[in-house]
Amino acid sequence: MPGPLTLEGFRVDLAECLFLEPGEVDLQDSPFAAGLDSLRIVTLLEGWRAAGADVTFVDLAECTSFAQWWQLLTERTRGADHADA
């Protein structure tokens, strides 16, 4: 079972899909401009939903930055013990 969502884990997830190191992920970047396509977003979404996030593809598509994704995930995760740093 996946562990709780953390900012570090969020960066790792994004980095894997973008072929970057976690420290290279700029949270101000647009997910689509950064190179994510719908298939990769769905893959990320499945993992985050398994960790308790109650978000949909449409929710993420309406966001314009990874920072907005993180905010949405932290607001909509059941029983989460988030680490914001």
PDB file of N, CA and C in Angstrom:
ATOM      1  N   MET A   1       0.848  -1.178   0.000  1.00  0.00           N
ATOM      2  CA  MET A   1       0.000   0.000   0.000  1.00  0.00           C
ATOM      3  C   MET A   1       0.892   1.240   0.000  1.00  0.00           C
ATOM      4  N   PRO A   2       0.579   2.218  -0.810  1.00  0.00           N
ATOM      5  CA  PRO A   2       1.400   3.419  -0.869  1.00  0.00           C
ATOM      6  C   PRO A   2       1.400   4.158   0.464  1.00  0.00           C
ATOM      7  N   GLY A   3       2.518   4.818   0.735  1.00  0.00           N
ATOM      8  CA  GLY A   3       2.611   5.623   1.947  1.00  0.00           C
ATOM      9  C   GLY A   3       1.902   6.946   1.756  1.00  0.00           C
ATOM     10  N   PRO A   4       1.966   7.789   2.785  1.00  0.00           N
ATOM     11  CA  PRO A   4       1.316   9.090   2.687  1.00  0.00           C
ATOM     12  C   PRO A   4       1.995   9.966   1.638  1.00  0.00           C
ATOM     13  N   LEU A   5       1.236  10.878   1.094  1.00  0.00           N
ATOM     14  CA  LEU A   5       1.784  11.817   0.119  1.00  0.00           C
ATOM     15  C   LEU A   5       2.672  12.821   0.832  1.00  0.00           C
ATOM     16  N   THR A   6       3.850  13.025   0.286  1.00  0.00           N
ATOM     17  CA  THR A   6       4.765  14.033   0.794  1.00  0.00           C
ATOM     18  C   THR A   6       5.224  14.878  -0.381  1.00  0.00           C
ATOM     19  N   LEU A   7       5.693  16.064  -0.099  1.00  0.00           N
ATOM     20  CA  LEU A   7       6.202  16.915  -1.164  1.00  0.00           C
ATOM     21  C   LEU A   7       7.407  16.266  -1.833  1.00  0.00           C
ATOM     22  N   GLU A   8       8.256  15.639  -1.046  1.00  0.00           N
ATOM     23  CA  GLU A   8       9.415  14.943  -1.613  1.00  0.00           C
ATOM     24  C   GLU A   8       8.972  13.818  -2.551  1.00  0.00           C
ATOM     25  N   GLY A   9       7.996  13.032  -2.113  1.00  0.00           N
ATOM     26  CA  GLY A   9       7.481  11.954  -2.952  1.00  0.00           C
ATOM     27  C   GLY A   9       6.803  12.473  -4.208  1.00  0.00           C
ATOM     28  N   PHE A  10       6.092  13.581  -4.073  1.00  0.00           N
ATOM     29  CA  PHE A  10       5.447  14.226  -5.213  1.00  0.00           C
ATOM     30  C   PHE A  10       6.500  14.623  -6.252  1.00  0.00           C
ATOM     31  N   ARG A  11       7.593  15.241  -5.780  1.00  0.00           N
ATOM     32  CA  ARG A  11       8.684  15.627  -6.693  1.00  0.00           C
ATOM     33  C   ARG A  11       9.321  14.404  -7.361  1.00  0.00           C
ATOM     34  N   VAL A  12       9.490  13.334  -6.591  1.00  0.00           N
ATOM     35  CA  VAL A  12      10.061  12.097  -7.145  1.00  0.00           C
ATOM     36  C   VAL A  12       9.145  11.541  -8.234  1.00  0.00           C
ATOM     37  N   ASP A  13       7.845  11.503  -7.961  1.00  0.00           N
ATOM     38  CA  ASP A  13       6.880  11.004  -8.952  1.00  0.00           C
ATOM     39  C   ASP A  13       6.965  11.815 -10.248  1.00  0.00           C
ATOM     40  N   LEU A  14       6.960  13.144 -10.109  1.00  0.00           N
ATOM     41  CA  LEU A  14       7.036  14.005 -11.293  1.00  0.00           C
ATOM     42  C   LEU A  14       8.352  13.807 -12.028  1.00  0.00           C
ATOM     43  N   ALA A  15       9.441  13.756 -11.281  1.00  0.00           N
ATOM     44  CA  ALA A  15      10.762  13.618 -11.887  1.00  0.00           C
ATOM     45  C   ALA A  15      10.864  12.336 -12.716  1.00  0.00           C
ATOM     46  N   GLU A  16      10.314  11.246 -12.200  1.00  0.00           N
ATOM     47  CA  GLU A  16      10.356   9.982 -12.939  1.00  0.00           C
ATOM     48  C   GLU A  16       9.658  10.105 -14.287  1.00  0.00           C
ATOM     49  N   CYS A  17       8.537  10.796 -14.316  1.00  0.00           N
ATOM     50  CA  CYS A  17       7.791  10.955 -15.572  1.00  0.00           C
ATOM     51  C   CYS A  17       8.450  11.952 -16.521  1.00  0.00           C
ATOM     52  N   LEU A  18       9.207  12.877 -15.971  1.00  0.00           N
ATOM     53  CA  LEU A  18       9.835  13.920 -16.788  1.00  0.00           C
ATOM     54  C   LEU A  18      11.299  13.627 -17.099  1.00  0.00           C
ATOM     55  N   PHE A  19      11.803  12.483 -16.611  1.00  0.00           N
ATOM     56  CA  PHE A  19      13.198  12.100 -16.812  1.00  0.00           C
ATOM     57  C   PHE A  19      14.146  13.161 -16.256  1.00  0.00           C
ATOM     58  N   LEU A  20      13.846  13.590 -15.026  1.00  0.00           N
ATOM     59  CA  LEU A  20      14.644  14.586 -14.319  1.00  0.00           C
ATOM     60  C   LEU A  20      15.030  14.046 -12.949  1.00  0.00           C
ATOM     61  N   GLU A  21      15.885  14.784 -12.268  1.00  0.00           N
ATOM     62  CA  GLU A  21      16.145  14.531 -10.860  1.00  0.00           C
ATOM     63  C   GLU A  21      15.082  15.302 -10.074  1.00  0.00           C
ATOM     64  N   PRO A  22      14.682  14.815  -8.904  1.00  0.00           N
ATOM     65  CA  PRO A  22      13.640  15.511  -8.138  1.00  0.00           C
ATOM     66  C   PRO A  22      13.941  16.993  -7.896  1.00  0.00           C
ATOM     67  N   GLY A  23      15.183  17.335  -7.651  1.00  0.00           N
ATOM     68  CA  GLY A  23      15.552  18.724  -7.419  1.00  0.00           C
ATOM     69  C   GLY A  23      15.423  19.607  -8.648  1.00  0.00           C
ATOM     70  N   GLU A  24      15.314  18.987  -9.816  1.00  0.00           N
ATOM     71  CA  GLU A  24      15.176  19.747 -11.065  1.00  0.00           C
ATOM     72  C   GLU A  24      13.722  20.087 -11.384  1.00  0.00           C
ATOM     73  N   VAL A  25      12.789  19.527 -10.638  1.00  0.00           N
ATOM     74  CA  VAL A  25      11.371  19.790 -10.873  1.00  0.00           C
ATOM     75  C   VAL A  25      11.042  21.178 -10.333  1.00  0.00           C
ATOM     76  N   ASP A  26      10.593  22.062 -11.197  1.00  0.00           N
ATOM     77  CA  ASP A  26      10.188  23.406 -10.807  1.00  0.00           C
ATOM     78  C   ASP A  26       8.682  23.393 -10.588  1.00  0.00           C
ATOM     79  N   LEU A  27       8.268  23.598  -9.360  1.00  0.00           N
ATOM     80  CA  LEU A  27       6.842  23.523  -9.048  1.00  0.00           C
ATOM     81  C   LEU A  27       6.027  24.620  -9.706  1.00  0.00           C
ATOM     82  N   GLN A  28       6.684  25.640 -10.224  1.00  0.00           N
ATOM     83  CA  GLN A  28       5.958  26.706 -10.919  1.00  0.00           C
ATOM     84  C   GLN A  28       5.709  26.363 -12.392  1.00  0.00           C
ATOM     85  N   ASP A  29       6.323  25.281 -12.874  1.00  0.00           N
ATOM     86  CA  ASP A  29       6.130  24.873 -14.268  1.00  0.00           C
ATOM     87  C   ASP A  29       4.712  24.389 -14.524  1.00  0.00           C
ATOM     88  N   SER A  30       4.279  24.587 -15.750  1.00  0.00           N
ATOM     89  CA  SER A  30       3.015  24.028 -16.222  1.00  0.00           C
ATOM     90  C   SER A  30       3.231  22.547 -16.520  1.00  0.00           C
ATOM     91  N   PRO A  31       2.353  21.677 -16.055  1.00  0.00           N
ATOM     92  CA  PRO A  31       2.513  20.246 -16.330  1.00  0.00           C
ATOM     93  C   PRO A  31       2.610  19.934 -17.824  1.00  0.00           C
ATOM     94  N   PHE A  32       1.788  20.570 -18.635  1.00  0.00           N
ATOM     95  CA  PHE A  32       1.809  20.262 -20.063  1.00  0.00           C
ATOM     96  C   PHE A  32       3.038  20.863 -20.742  1.00  0.00           C
ATOM     97  N   ALA A  33       3.424  22.072 -20.357  1.00  0.00           N
ATOM     98  CA  ALA A  33       4.625  22.690 -20.927  1.00  0.00           C
ATOM     99  C   ALA A  33       5.878  21.922 -20.508  1.00  0.00           C
ATOM    100  N   ALA A  34       5.840  21.299 -19.334  1.00  0.00           N
ATOM    101  CA  ALA A  34       6.984  20.518 -18.858  1.00  0.00           C
ATOM    102  C   ALA A  34       7.136  19.206 -19.617  1.00  0.00           C
ATOM    103  N   GLY A  35       6.088  18.800 -20.328  1.00  0.00           N
ATOM    104  CA  GLY A  35       6.182  17.599 -21.148  1.00  0.00           C
ATOM    105  C   GLY A  35       5.294  16.441 -20.736  1.00  0.00           C
ATOM    106  N   LEU A  36       4.438  16.634 -19.747  1.00  0.00           N
ATOM    107  CA  LEU A  36       3.542  15.538 -19.368  1.00  0.00           C
ATOM    108  C   LEU A  36       2.410  15.414 -20.377  1.00  0.00           C
ATOM    109  N   ASP A  37       2.101  14.191 -20.733  1.00  0.00           N
ATOM    110  CA  ASP A  37       0.950  13.940 -21.594  1.00  0.00           C
ATOM    111  C   ASP A  37      -0.133  13.273 -20.749  1.00  0.00           C
ATOM    112  N   SER A  38      -1.290  13.070 -21.343  1.00  0.00           N
ATOM    113  CA  SER A  38      -2.427  12.556 -20.581  1.00  0.00           C
ATOM    114  C   SER A  38      -2.163  11.166 -20.004  1.00  0.00           C
ATOM    115  N   LEU A  39      -1.451  10.319 -20.703  1.00  0.00           N
ATOM    116  CA  LEU A  39      -1.169   8.972 -20.194  1.00  0.00           C
ATOM    117  C   LEU A  39      -0.305   9.036 -18.940  1.00  0.00           C
ATOM    118  N   ARG A  40       0.715   9.872 -18.954  1.00  0.00           N
ATOM    119  CA  ARG A  40       1.575  10.006 -17.776  1.00  0.00           C
ATOM    120  C   ARG A  40       0.814  10.622 -16.609  1.00  0.00           C
ATOM    121  N   ILE A  41      -0.064  11.565 -16.897  1.00  0.00           N
ATOM    122  CA  ILE A  41      -0.864  12.175 -15.833  1.00  0.00           C
ATOM    123  C   ILE A  41      -1.776  11.129 -15.202  1.00  0.00           C
ATOM    124  N   VAL A  42      -2.394  10.298 -16.017  1.00  0.00           N
ATOM    125  CA  VAL A  42      -3.259   9.242 -15.485  1.00  0.00           C
ATOM    126  C   VAL A  42      -2.444   8.274 -14.624  1.00  0.00           C
ATOM    127  N   THR A  43      -1.246   7.951 -15.051  1.00  0.00           N
ATOM    128  CA  THR A  43      -0.375   7.067 -14.266  1.00  0.00           C
ATOM    129  C   THR A  43      -0.065   7.689 -12.910  1.00  0.00           C
ATOM    130  N   LEU A  44       0.306   8.971 -12.902  1.00  0.00           N
ATOM    131  CA  LEU A  44       0.562   9.672 -11.644  1.00  0.00           C
ATOM    132  C   LEU A  44      -0.694   9.684 -10.779  1.00  0.00           C
ATOM    133  N   LEU A  45      -1.806   9.997 -11.403  1.00  0.00           N
ATOM    134  CA  LEU A  45      -3.079  10.107 -10.694  1.00  0.00           C
ATOM    135  C   LEU A  45      -3.449   8.799 -10.005  1.00  0.00           C
ATOM    136  N   GLU A  46      -3.228   7.679 -10.667  1.00  0.00           N
ATOM    137  CA  GLU A  46      -3.550   6.377 -10.070  1.00  0.00           C
ATOM    138  C   GLU A  46      -2.770   6.158  -8.777  1.00  0.00           C
ATOM    139  N   GLY A  47      -1.485   6.508  -8.787  1.00  0.00           N
ATOM    140  CA  GLY A  47      -0.672   6.358  -7.581  1.00  0.00           C
ATOM    141  C   GLY A  47      -1.128   7.272  -6.464  1.00  0.00           C
ATOM    142  N   TRP A  48      -1.454   8.512  -6.811  1.00  0.00           N
ATOM    143  CA  TRP A  48      -1.898   9.468  -5.793  1.00  0.00           C
ATOM    144  C   TRP A  48      -3.266   9.101  -5.235  1.00  0.00           C
ATOM    145  N   ARG A  49      -4.124   8.573  -6.083  1.00  0.00           N
ATOM    146  CA  ARG A  49      -5.435   8.127  -5.600  1.00  0.00           C
ATOM    147  C   ARG A  49      -5.272   6.917  -4.674  1.00  0.00           C
ATOM    148  N   ALA A  50      -4.331   6.035  -4.994  1.00  0.00           N
ATOM    149  CA  ALA A  50      -4.062   4.881  -4.131  1.00  0.00           C
ATOM    150  C   ALA A  50      -3.541   5.329  -2.759  1.00  0.00           C
ATOM    151  N   ALA A  51      -2.908   6.501  -2.716  1.00  0.00           N
ATOM    152  CA  ALA A  51      -2.410   7.055  -1.455  1.00  0.00           C
ATOM    153  C   ALA A  51      -3.485   7.860  -0.724  1.00  0.00           C
ATOM    154  N   GLY A  52      -4.692   7.916  -1.281  1.00  0.00           N
ATOM    155  CA  GLY A  52      -5.804   8.553  -0.601  1.00  0.00           C
ATOM    156  C   GLY A  52      -6.268   9.879  -1.172  1.00  0.00           C
ATOM    157  N   ALA A  53      -5.673  10.340  -2.271  1.00  0.00           N
ATOM    158  CA  ALA A  53      -6.072  11.621  -2.860  1.00  0.00           C
ATOM    159  C   ALA A  53      -7.379  11.456  -3.628  1.00  0.00           C
ATOM    160  N   ASP A  54      -8.314  12.338  -3.354  1.00  0.00           N
ATOM    161  CA  ASP A  54      -9.615  12.315  -4.019  1.00  0.00           C
ATOM    162  C   ASP A  54      -9.623  13.383  -5.109  1.00  0.00           C
ATOM    163  N   VAL A  55      -8.883  13.113  -6.186  1.00  0.00           N
ATOM    164  CA  VAL A  55      -8.782  14.053  -7.311  1.00  0.00           C
ATOM    165  C   VAL A  55      -9.033  13.293  -8.610  1.00  0.00           C
ATOM    166  N   THR A  56      -9.431  14.036  -9.627  1.00  0.00           N
ATOM    167  CA  THR A  56      -9.693  13.457 -10.938  1.00  0.00           C
ATOM    168  C   THR A  56      -8.745  14.063 -11.966  1.00  0.00           C
ATOM    169  N   PHE A  57      -8.732  13.481 -13.126  1.00  0.00           N
ATOM    170  CA  PHE A  57      -7.935  14.011 -14.230  1.00  0.00           C
ATOM    171  C   PHE A  57      -8.358  15.446 -14.531  1.00  0.00           C
ATOM    172  N   VAL A  58      -9.656  15.693 -14.553  1.00  0.00           N
ATOM    173  CA  VAL A  58     -10.171  17.040 -14.846  1.00  0.00           C
ATOM    174  C   VAL A  58      -9.678  18.032 -13.791  1.00  0.00           C
ATOM    175  N   ASP A  59      -9.676  17.626 -12.522  1.00  0.00           N
ATOM    176  CA  ASP A  59      -9.169  18.501 -11.463  1.00  0.00           C
ATOM    177  C   ASP A  59      -7.736  18.932 -11.768  1.00  0.00           C
ATOM    178  N   LEU A  60      -6.902  17.961 -12.129  1.00  0.00           N
ATOM    179  CA  LEU A  60      -5.502  18.273 -12.424  1.00  0.00           C
ATOM    180  C   LEU A  60      -5.369  19.105 -13.692  1.00  0.00           C
ATOM    181  N   ALA A  61      -6.165  18.796 -14.706  1.00  0.00           N
ATOM    182  CA  ALA A  61      -6.068  19.511 -15.982  1.00  0.00           C
ATOM    183  C   ALA A  61      -6.428  20.986 -15.834  1.00  0.00           C
ATOM    184  N   GLU A  62      -7.232  21.312 -14.849  1.00  0.00           N
ATOM    185  CA  GLU A  62      -7.619  22.700 -14.627  1.00  0.00           C
ATOM    186  C   GLU A  62      -6.532  23.512 -13.926  1.00  0.00           C
ATOM    187  N   CYS A  63      -5.528  22.844 -13.395  1.00  0.00           N
ATOM    188  CA  CYS A  63      -4.426  23.528 -12.707  1.00  0.00           C
ATOM    189  C   CYS A  63      -3.361  23.943 -13.718  1.00  0.00           C
ATOM    190  N   THR A  64      -2.701  25.063 -13.435  1.00  0.00           N
ATOM    191  CA  THR A  64      -1.706  25.577 -14.378  1.00  0.00           C
ATOM    192  C   THR A  64      -0.268  25.386 -13.918  1.00  0.00           C
ATOM    193  N   SER A  65      -0.069  24.772 -12.751  1.00  0.00           N
ATOM    194  CA  SER A  65       1.302  24.534 -12.280  1.00  0.00           C
ATOM    195  C   SER A  65       1.343  23.289 -11.398  1.00  0.00           C
ATOM    196  N   PHE A  66       2.547  22.752 -11.239  1.00  0.00           N
ATOM    197  CA  PHE A  66       2.723  21.623 -10.326  1.00  0.00           C
ATOM    198  C   PHE A  66       2.414  22.049  -8.888  1.00  0.00           C
ATOM    199  N   ALA A  67       2.692  23.304  -8.549  1.00  0.00           N
ATOM    200  CA  ALA A  67       2.385  23.809  -7.206  1.00  0.00           C
ATOM    201  C   ALA A  67       0.876  23.729  -6.945  1.00  0.00           C
ATOM    202  N   GLN A  68       0.079  24.034  -7.959  1.00  0.00           N
ATOM    203  CA  GLN A  68      -1.375  23.920  -7.805  1.00  0.00           C
ATOM    204  C   GLN A  68      -1.789  22.466  -7.657  1.00  0.00           C
ATOM    205  N   TRP A  69      -1.108  21.577  -8.356  1.00  0.00           N
ATOM    206  CA  TRP A  69      -1.384  20.146  -8.179  1.00  0.00           C
ATOM    207  C   TRP A  69      -1.141  19.751  -6.730  1.00  0.00           C
ATOM    208  N   TRP A  70       0.015  20.170  -6.196  1.00  0.00           N
ATOM    209  CA  TRP A  70       0.365  19.796  -4.829  1.00  0.00           C
ATOM    210  C   TRP A  70      -0.669  20.339  -3.850  1.00  0.00           C
ATOM    211  N   GLN A  71      -1.082  21.578  -4.035  1.00  0.00           N
ATOM    212  CA  GLN A  71      -2.086  22.176  -3.161  1.00  0.00           C
ATOM    213  C   GLN A  71      -3.379  21.368  -3.218  1.00  0.00           C
ATOM    214  N   LEU A  72      -3.801  21.015  -4.413  1.00  0.00           N
ATOM    215  CA  LEU A  72      -5.020  20.222  -4.588  1.00  0.00           C
ATOM    216  C   LEU A  72      -4.886  18.860  -3.908  1.00  0.00           C
ATOM    217  N   LEU A  73      -3.761  18.203  -4.108  1.00  0.00           N
ATOM    218  CA  LEU A  73      -3.549  16.886  -3.498  1.00  0.00           C
ATOM    219  C   LEU A  73      -3.581  16.966  -1.977  1.00  0.00           C
ATOM    220  N   THR A  74      -2.956  17.978  -1.415  1.00  0.00           N
ATOM    221  CA  THR A  74      -2.931  18.080   0.044  1.00  0.00           C
ATOM    222  C   THR A  74      -4.301  18.414   0.611  1.00  0.00           C
ATOM    223  N   GLU A  75      -5.082  19.168  -0.136  1.00  0.00           N
ATOM    224  CA  GLU A  75      -6.438  19.517   0.323  1.00  0.00           C
ATOM    225  C   GLU A  75      -7.401  18.342   0.228  1.00  0.00           C
ATOM    226  N   ARG A  76      -7.126  17.442  -0.686  1.00  0.00           N
ATOM    227  CA  ARG A  76      -8.098  16.371  -0.962  1.00  0.00           C
ATOM    228  C   ARG A  76      -7.568  14.979  -0.668  1.00  0.00           C
ATOM    229  N   THR A  77      -6.685  14.850   0.289  1.00  0.00           N
ATOM    230  CA  THR A  77      -6.189  13.525   0.652  1.00  0.00           C
ATOM    231  C   THR A  77      -6.759  13.134   1.996  1.00  0.00           C
ATOM    232  N   ARG A  78      -7.415  11.985   2.005  1.00  0.00           N
ATOM    233  CA  ARG A  78      -8.057  11.476   3.214  1.00  0.00           C
ATOM    234  C   ARG A  78      -7.008  10.986   4.212  1.00  0.00           C
ATOM    235  N   GLY A  79      -7.169  11.408   5.458  1.00  0.00           N
ATOM    236  CA  GLY A  79      -6.313  10.899   6.529  1.00  0.00           C
ATOM    237  C   GLY A  79      -4.849  11.143   6.288  1.00  0.00           C
ATOM    238  N   ALA A  80      -4.536  12.203   5.591  1.00  0.00           N
ATOM    239  CA  ALA A  80      -3.146  12.438   5.215  1.00  0.00           C
ATOM    240  C   ALA A  80      -2.349  13.069   6.340  1.00  0.00           C
ATOM    241  N   ASP A  81      -1.116  12.669   6.406  1.00  0.00           N
ATOM    242  CA  ASP A  81      -0.139  13.286   7.300  1.00  0.00           C
ATOM    243  C   ASP A  81       0.911  13.875   6.372  1.00  0.00           C
ATOM    244  N   HIS A  82       0.613  15.005   5.786  1.00  0.00           N
ATOM    245  CA  HIS A  82       1.458  15.587   4.756  1.00  0.00           C
ATOM    246  C   HIS A  82       2.716  16.192   5.331  1.00  0.00           C
ATOM    247  N   ALA A  83       3.767  16.054   4.570  1.00  0.00           N
ATOM    248  CA  ALA A  83       5.005  16.761   4.877  1.00  0.00           C
ATOM    249  C   ALA A  83       5.165  17.816   3.805  1.00  0.00           C
ATOM    250  N   ASP A  84       5.045  19.069   4.169  1.00  0.00           N
ATOM    251  CA  ASP A  84       5.084  20.145   3.189  1.00  0.00           C
ATOM    252  C   ASP A  84       6.478  20.596   2.833  1.00  0.00           C
ATOM    253  N   ALA A  85       7.471  20.011   3.409  1.00  0.00           N
ATOM    254  CA  ALA A  85       8.834  20.450   3.077  1.00  0.00           C
ATOM    255  C   ALA A  85       9.666  19.260   2.664  1.00  0.00           C
TER     256      ALA A  85
END
